[in-house]
N, C-alpha and C. Protein backbone atom coordinates (compact mmCIF):
# COMPACT_ATOMS: atom_id res chain seq x y z
N MET A 1 90.88 38.90 65.09
CA MET A 1 90.75 39.44 63.77
C MET A 1 89.65 40.50 63.80
N ILE A 2 89.92 41.66 63.23
CA ILE A 2 88.98 42.77 63.25
C ILE A 2 88.14 42.75 61.99
N VAL A 3 86.83 42.74 62.16
CA VAL A 3 85.90 42.85 61.04
C VAL A 3 85.03 44.05 61.35
N ASP A 4 85.16 45.12 60.53
CA ASP A 4 84.59 46.40 60.93
C ASP A 4 83.12 46.60 60.60
N SER A 5 82.56 45.93 59.62
CA SER A 5 81.15 46.12 59.32
C SER A 5 80.67 45.03 58.39
N ASP A 6 79.36 44.94 58.20
CA ASP A 6 78.80 43.94 57.30
C ASP A 6 79.20 44.18 55.86
N THR A 7 79.63 45.39 55.51
CA THR A 7 80.00 45.67 54.12
C THR A 7 81.32 45.01 53.74
N THR A 8 82.04 44.44 54.69
CA THR A 8 83.31 43.78 54.38
C THR A 8 83.12 42.33 53.97
N TRP A 9 81.92 41.78 54.07
CA TRP A 9 81.66 40.40 53.71
C TRP A 9 81.22 40.33 52.25
N HIS A 10 81.80 39.37 51.50
CA HIS A 10 81.51 39.26 50.08
C HIS A 10 81.12 37.83 49.73
N PHE A 11 80.13 37.71 48.86
CA PHE A 11 79.63 36.41 48.43
C PHE A 11 80.73 35.62 47.72
N ALA A 12 80.87 34.33 48.09
CA ALA A 12 81.86 33.46 47.46
C ALA A 12 81.19 32.38 46.59
N CYS A 13 80.19 31.69 47.16
CA CYS A 13 79.43 30.69 46.40
C CYS A 13 78.25 30.23 47.24
N LYS A 14 77.37 29.47 46.62
CA LYS A 14 76.24 28.88 47.34
C LYS A 14 76.73 27.66 48.10
N LEU A 15 76.12 27.41 49.25
CA LEU A 15 76.51 26.28 50.09
C LEU A 15 76.42 24.95 49.36
N ASN A 16 75.39 24.78 48.52
CA ASN A 16 75.23 23.50 47.81
C ASN A 16 76.26 23.31 46.69
N GLN A 17 77.10 24.32 46.41
CA GLN A 17 78.17 24.19 45.43
C GLN A 17 79.47 23.68 46.06
N LEU A 18 79.45 23.49 47.38
CA LEU A 18 80.63 23.02 48.10
C LEU A 18 80.25 21.76 48.88
N PRO A 19 80.49 20.58 48.31
CA PRO A 19 80.07 19.35 48.98
C PRO A 19 80.87 19.07 50.25
N LEU A 20 80.31 18.26 51.13
CA LEU A 20 81.01 17.85 52.34
C LEU A 20 82.34 17.21 51.97
N GLY A 21 83.41 17.64 52.63
CA GLY A 21 84.73 17.12 52.34
C GLY A 21 85.33 17.66 51.05
N GLY A 22 84.64 18.60 50.42
CA GLY A 22 85.07 19.11 49.12
C GLY A 22 85.80 20.44 49.21
N MET A 23 86.40 20.80 48.07
CA MET A 23 87.12 22.07 47.94
C MET A 23 86.66 22.77 46.67
N LYS A 24 86.72 24.10 46.69
CA LYS A 24 86.32 24.89 45.53
C LYS A 24 87.20 26.14 45.47
N HIS A 25 87.79 26.38 44.31
CA HIS A 25 88.60 27.58 44.08
C HIS A 25 87.66 28.63 43.49
N VAL A 26 87.55 29.78 44.18
CA VAL A 26 86.66 30.85 43.73
C VAL A 26 87.43 32.16 43.63
N ARG A 27 86.86 33.09 42.88
CA ARG A 27 87.40 34.44 42.79
C ARG A 27 86.36 35.37 43.40
N VAL A 28 86.81 36.15 44.38
CA VAL A 28 85.95 37.14 45.03
C VAL A 28 86.59 38.49 44.72
N PHE A 29 85.95 39.25 43.85
CA PHE A 29 86.54 40.47 43.29
C PHE A 29 87.89 40.11 42.69
N ASP A 30 88.98 40.69 43.14
CA ASP A 30 90.29 40.36 42.56
C ASP A 30 91.10 39.41 43.45
N THR A 31 90.43 38.74 44.38
CA THR A 31 91.11 37.84 45.30
C THR A 31 90.70 36.40 45.04
N GLU A 32 91.69 35.52 44.88
CA GLU A 32 91.40 34.11 44.70
C GLU A 32 91.40 33.44 46.07
N VAL A 33 90.42 32.56 46.29
CA VAL A 33 90.19 31.95 47.60
C VAL A 33 89.90 30.46 47.40
N LEU A 34 90.43 29.63 48.29
CA LEU A 34 90.09 28.22 48.32
C LEU A 34 89.11 28.01 49.46
N LEU A 35 87.93 27.47 49.14
CA LEU A 35 86.95 27.10 50.16
C LEU A 35 87.06 25.60 50.41
N VAL A 36 87.05 25.22 51.68
CA VAL A 36 87.12 23.81 52.06
C VAL A 36 85.98 23.56 53.03
N ARG A 37 85.19 22.53 52.75
CA ARG A 37 84.07 22.19 53.64
C ARG A 37 84.43 20.93 54.42
N ALA A 38 84.91 21.15 55.64
CA ALA A 38 85.38 20.05 56.48
C ALA A 38 84.23 19.24 57.06
N SER A 39 83.11 19.89 57.35
CA SER A 39 81.92 19.23 57.89
C SER A 39 80.71 20.05 57.48
N LYS A 40 79.55 19.64 57.94
CA LYS A 40 78.33 20.36 57.57
C LYS A 40 78.41 21.83 57.98
N GLU A 41 78.98 22.10 59.16
CA GLU A 41 79.04 23.47 59.68
C GLU A 41 80.41 24.13 59.53
N ASP A 42 81.45 23.38 59.27
CA ASP A 42 82.81 23.90 59.30
C ASP A 42 83.34 24.17 57.90
N ILE A 43 83.41 25.45 57.53
CA ILE A 43 83.92 25.86 56.22
C ILE A 43 85.12 26.77 56.45
N VAL A 44 86.19 26.52 55.71
CA VAL A 44 87.42 27.30 55.81
C VAL A 44 87.66 27.99 54.47
N ALA A 45 88.12 29.23 54.53
CA ALA A 45 88.55 29.97 53.33
C ALA A 45 90.01 30.32 53.52
N MET A 46 90.83 30.05 52.51
CA MET A 46 92.26 30.26 52.64
C MET A 46 92.89 30.57 51.29
N GLU A 47 94.18 30.90 51.32
CA GLU A 47 94.92 31.09 50.07
C GLU A 47 94.80 29.82 49.24
N PRO A 48 94.65 29.96 47.93
CA PRO A 48 94.47 28.77 47.10
C PRO A 48 95.76 28.16 46.57
N TRP A 49 96.92 28.70 46.98
CA TRP A 49 98.20 28.25 46.42
C TRP A 49 99.08 27.66 47.51
N CYS A 50 99.82 26.61 47.16
CA CYS A 50 100.78 26.02 48.08
C CYS A 50 101.90 27.03 48.33
N PRO A 51 102.29 27.27 49.58
CA PRO A 51 103.35 28.24 49.86
C PRO A 51 104.74 27.78 49.41
N HIS A 52 104.88 26.53 49.06
CA HIS A 52 106.18 26.02 48.60
C HIS A 52 106.45 26.36 47.14
N ASN A 53 105.51 26.00 46.25
CA ASN A 53 105.78 26.14 44.82
C ASN A 53 104.58 26.68 44.06
N TRP A 54 103.64 27.26 44.75
CA TRP A 54 102.45 27.90 44.18
C TRP A 54 101.57 26.95 43.37
N ALA A 55 101.58 25.68 43.69
CA ALA A 55 100.67 24.73 43.04
C ALA A 55 99.25 25.00 43.53
N PRO A 56 98.24 24.76 42.69
CA PRO A 56 96.86 24.97 43.12
C PRO A 56 96.44 23.92 44.16
N LEU A 57 96.09 24.39 45.35
CA LEU A 57 95.72 23.47 46.43
C LEU A 57 94.42 22.72 46.14
N VAL A 58 93.57 23.26 45.29
CA VAL A 58 92.32 22.59 44.96
C VAL A 58 92.58 21.24 44.30
N ASP A 59 93.75 21.06 43.71
CA ASP A 59 94.11 19.78 43.09
C ASP A 59 94.69 18.78 44.09
N GLY A 60 94.86 19.21 45.34
CA GLY A 60 95.41 18.35 46.37
C GLY A 60 94.36 17.43 46.97
N LYS A 61 94.74 16.77 48.06
CA LYS A 61 93.82 15.87 48.76
C LYS A 61 93.53 16.43 50.15
N PHE A 62 92.23 16.45 50.48
CA PHE A 62 91.81 16.93 51.80
C PHE A 62 91.29 15.76 52.61
N ASN A 63 91.77 15.65 53.86
CA ASN A 63 91.32 14.61 54.78
C ASN A 63 90.50 15.29 55.87
N PRO A 64 89.15 15.17 55.82
CA PRO A 64 88.30 15.83 56.82
C PRO A 64 88.56 15.34 58.24
N GLY A 65 88.99 14.09 58.40
CA GLY A 65 89.25 13.55 59.73
C GLY A 65 90.41 14.24 60.44
N SER A 66 91.48 14.47 59.70
CA SER A 66 92.65 15.11 60.30
C SER A 66 92.67 16.62 60.08
N MET A 67 91.79 17.12 59.20
CA MET A 67 91.74 18.54 58.83
C MET A 67 93.03 18.96 58.12
N LYS A 68 93.66 18.03 57.42
CA LYS A 68 94.91 18.30 56.70
C LYS A 68 94.65 18.29 55.20
N LEU A 69 95.28 19.22 54.52
CA LEU A 69 95.23 19.31 53.07
C LEU A 69 96.65 19.04 52.56
N THR A 70 96.78 18.12 51.63
CA THR A 70 98.09 17.76 51.08
C THR A 70 98.19 18.24 49.65
N CYS A 71 99.23 19.01 49.36
CA CYS A 71 99.46 19.54 48.03
C CYS A 71 99.76 18.40 47.07
N CYS A 72 99.20 18.50 45.87
CA CYS A 72 99.37 17.45 44.86
C CYS A 72 100.77 17.41 44.28
N GLU A 73 101.51 18.50 44.37
CA GLU A 73 102.79 18.57 43.67
C GLU A 73 103.95 17.92 44.42
N HIS A 74 104.17 18.32 45.68
CA HIS A 74 105.31 17.78 46.42
C HIS A 74 104.93 17.27 47.81
N GLY A 75 103.62 17.15 48.07
CA GLY A 75 103.17 16.55 49.32
C GLY A 75 103.24 17.43 50.55
N MET A 76 103.43 18.75 50.38
CA MET A 76 103.39 19.63 51.55
C MET A 76 102.02 19.50 52.19
N GLN A 77 101.99 19.50 53.53
CA GLN A 77 100.73 19.30 54.24
C GLN A 77 100.40 20.52 55.08
N ILE A 78 99.13 20.94 55.02
CA ILE A 78 98.65 22.14 55.70
C ILE A 78 97.49 21.77 56.60
N ASP A 79 97.55 22.23 57.85
CA ASP A 79 96.43 22.07 58.77
C ASP A 79 95.48 23.22 58.50
N ILE A 80 94.30 22.93 57.98
CA ILE A 80 93.40 24.02 57.57
C ILE A 80 92.77 24.75 58.75
N LYS A 81 92.85 24.16 59.96
CA LYS A 81 92.27 24.84 61.13
C LYS A 81 92.97 26.15 61.42
N ASP A 82 94.29 26.18 61.23
CA ASP A 82 95.05 27.39 61.56
C ASP A 82 96.02 27.82 60.47
N GLY A 83 96.08 27.07 59.37
CA GLY A 83 96.97 27.42 58.27
C GLY A 83 98.41 26.98 58.46
N GLU A 84 98.72 26.32 59.58
CA GLU A 84 100.09 25.88 59.86
C GLU A 84 100.53 24.80 58.87
N ILE A 85 101.78 24.86 58.49
CA ILE A 85 102.37 23.82 57.65
C ILE A 85 102.81 22.70 58.60
N THR A 86 102.31 21.50 58.37
CA THR A 86 102.63 20.38 59.27
C THR A 86 103.65 19.41 58.67
N ARG A 87 103.86 19.50 57.36
CA ARG A 87 104.89 18.69 56.71
C ARG A 87 105.39 19.46 55.49
N GLY A 88 106.69 19.54 55.37
CA GLY A 88 107.29 20.25 54.25
C GLY A 88 107.20 19.44 52.96
N PRO A 89 107.70 20.01 51.87
CA PRO A 89 107.70 19.30 50.59
C PRO A 89 108.47 17.99 50.68
N ASN A 90 107.97 16.99 50.00
CA ASN A 90 108.61 15.67 49.95
C ASN A 90 108.87 15.09 51.33
N GLY A 91 108.00 15.40 52.30
CA GLY A 91 108.13 14.86 53.65
C GLY A 91 109.14 15.56 54.52
N GLY A 92 109.72 16.65 54.04
CA GLY A 92 110.74 17.39 54.80
C GLY A 92 110.15 18.22 55.92
N PRO A 93 111.00 18.94 56.65
CA PRO A 93 110.53 19.76 57.76
C PRO A 93 109.67 20.94 57.28
N ALA A 94 108.77 21.33 58.15
CA ALA A 94 107.82 22.39 57.81
C ALA A 94 108.26 23.75 58.33
N GLY A 95 109.28 23.80 59.14
CA GLY A 95 109.65 24.97 59.92
C GLY A 95 109.80 26.29 59.23
N HIS A 96 110.33 26.35 58.02
CA HIS A 96 110.63 27.66 57.45
C HIS A 96 109.57 28.17 56.46
N TYR A 97 108.39 27.61 56.47
CA TYR A 97 107.30 28.08 55.62
C TYR A 97 106.29 28.87 56.45
N GLU A 98 105.79 29.97 55.87
CA GLU A 98 104.76 30.75 56.56
C GLU A 98 103.45 29.97 56.57
N LYS A 99 102.60 30.34 57.50
CA LYS A 99 101.26 29.80 57.53
C LYS A 99 100.53 30.17 56.24
N CYS A 100 99.55 29.38 55.89
CA CYS A 100 98.67 29.75 54.78
C CYS A 100 97.69 30.81 55.29
N PHE A 101 97.54 31.82 54.51
CA PHE A 101 96.66 32.94 54.85
C PHE A 101 95.20 32.46 54.85
N ARG A 102 94.46 32.76 55.91
CA ARG A 102 93.05 32.36 56.00
C ARG A 102 92.15 33.59 56.04
N PHE A 103 90.95 33.42 55.54
CA PHE A 103 89.94 34.48 55.52
C PHE A 103 88.79 34.10 56.45
N PRO A 104 88.22 35.06 57.17
CA PRO A 104 87.01 34.76 57.95
C PRO A 104 85.87 34.36 57.00
N VAL A 105 85.03 33.44 57.48
CA VAL A 105 83.92 32.91 56.68
C VAL A 105 82.64 33.00 57.50
N LYS A 106 81.54 33.25 56.81
CA LYS A 106 80.23 33.10 57.46
C LYS A 106 79.25 32.56 56.43
N VAL A 107 78.22 31.87 56.92
CA VAL A 107 77.18 31.33 56.06
C VAL A 107 75.86 31.94 56.49
N GLU A 108 75.15 32.51 55.52
CA GLU A 108 73.82 33.07 55.76
C GLU A 108 72.91 32.66 54.62
N ARG A 109 71.76 32.14 54.95
CA ARG A 109 70.75 31.74 53.96
C ARG A 109 71.36 30.89 52.84
N ASP A 110 72.13 29.89 53.25
CA ASP A 110 72.75 28.94 52.32
C ASP A 110 73.71 29.58 51.32
N ARG A 111 74.31 30.69 51.74
CA ARG A 111 75.33 31.35 50.92
C ARG A 111 76.59 31.52 51.76
N ILE A 112 77.75 31.29 51.14
CA ILE A 112 79.03 31.42 51.83
C ILE A 112 79.62 32.79 51.51
N TYR A 113 80.02 33.50 52.56
CA TYR A 113 80.62 34.82 52.43
C TYR A 113 82.02 34.79 53.04
N VAL A 114 82.94 35.54 52.45
CA VAL A 114 84.28 35.69 53.01
C VAL A 114 84.56 37.16 53.26
N HIS A 115 85.42 37.41 54.24
CA HIS A 115 85.86 38.77 54.54
C HIS A 115 87.22 38.96 53.88
N LEU A 116 87.29 39.85 52.90
CA LEU A 116 88.55 40.14 52.23
C LEU A 116 89.33 41.12 53.08
N LYS A 117 90.60 40.86 53.23
CA LYS A 117 91.42 41.67 54.13
C LYS A 117 91.96 42.91 53.43
N THR A 118 92.10 43.95 54.22
CA THR A 118 92.71 45.18 53.73
C THR A 118 94.23 44.98 53.68
N PRO A 119 94.95 45.82 52.93
CA PRO A 119 96.42 45.70 52.92
C PRO A 119 97.01 45.81 54.33
N GLN A 120 96.41 46.61 55.20
CA GLN A 120 96.89 46.74 56.58
C GLN A 120 96.72 45.42 57.34
N GLU A 121 95.60 44.75 57.14
CA GLU A 121 95.37 43.47 57.80
C GLU A 121 96.34 42.40 57.28
N VAL A 122 96.63 42.44 55.99
CA VAL A 122 97.58 41.50 55.41
C VAL A 122 98.96 41.72 56.04
N ASP A 123 99.40 42.98 56.12
CA ASP A 123 100.70 43.28 56.72
C ASP A 123 100.75 42.85 58.19
N ALA A 124 99.69 43.10 58.93
CA ALA A 124 99.65 42.72 60.35
C ALA A 124 99.76 41.21 60.49
N TYR A 125 99.08 40.48 59.63
CA TYR A 125 99.13 39.02 59.67
C TYR A 125 100.56 38.53 59.43
N TYR A 126 101.19 39.01 58.36
CA TYR A 126 102.53 38.55 58.06
C TYR A 126 103.55 39.05 59.07
N ALA A 127 103.33 40.20 59.68
CA ALA A 127 104.23 40.70 60.72
C ALA A 127 104.27 39.73 61.90
N GLN A 128 103.11 39.17 62.28
CA GLN A 128 103.09 38.20 63.39
C GLN A 128 103.79 36.91 63.02
N CYS A 129 103.95 36.65 61.72
CA CYS A 129 104.70 35.48 61.26
C CYS A 129 106.18 35.79 61.07
N GLY A 130 106.56 37.07 61.29
CA GLY A 130 107.95 37.46 61.13
C GLY A 130 108.35 37.70 59.69
N VAL A 131 107.37 37.98 58.82
CA VAL A 131 107.63 38.19 57.40
C VAL A 131 107.34 39.66 57.07
N PRO A 132 108.25 40.34 56.35
CA PRO A 132 107.98 41.74 55.99
C PRO A 132 106.72 41.85 55.15
N GLY A 133 105.95 42.90 55.40
CA GLY A 133 104.70 43.09 54.68
C GLY A 133 104.89 43.86 53.39
N ILE A 134 103.77 44.07 52.70
CA ILE A 134 103.82 44.76 51.42
C ILE A 134 103.80 46.28 51.57
N LEU A 135 103.29 46.76 52.70
CA LEU A 135 103.14 48.20 52.86
C LEU A 135 104.28 48.83 53.66
N GLY A 136 105.01 48.04 54.39
CA GLY A 136 106.04 48.58 55.26
C GLY A 136 105.49 48.88 56.65
N SER A 137 106.35 49.15 57.58
CA SER A 137 105.95 49.30 58.98
C SER A 137 105.07 50.51 59.22
N ASP A 138 105.14 51.55 58.38
CA ASP A 138 104.31 52.73 58.59
C ASP A 138 102.81 52.41 58.46
N ALA A 139 102.45 51.40 57.67
CA ALA A 139 101.05 51.07 57.48
C ALA A 139 100.42 50.50 58.74
N LEU A 140 101.23 50.01 59.67
CA LEU A 140 100.68 49.38 60.86
C LEU A 140 100.56 50.34 62.03
N LYS A 141 100.97 51.57 61.88
CA LYS A 141 100.94 52.55 62.99
C LYS A 141 99.58 53.19 63.11
């Protein structure tokens, strides 16, 4: 993942606002982000919506031991380490769902920062998943 400068990092919340094993839905500029604190040092930032039915993932259940987040609506399960769907809705297969989009995270002076992606980075991410992007193939050249 390419991060071009320190100006691409944006404040999301204070570290003490995200308890161990907890989740927090935040807005960073015009981007909504789900923060998950798997351990004292391990914080993940990802899309806040279930890829199946757009339910808010913050209402789901997170298991820090397995690093899996289960959607409250239909039980879709997401591995937060890589965004992979590990169980489809209602216990079905996960195969035809895209990964959950993840954002780079860093912590400095007890503050959590996320790197918001450019439209080109979004297209490149979805292209590797085999999904057409929003800008079209010319944006990736």
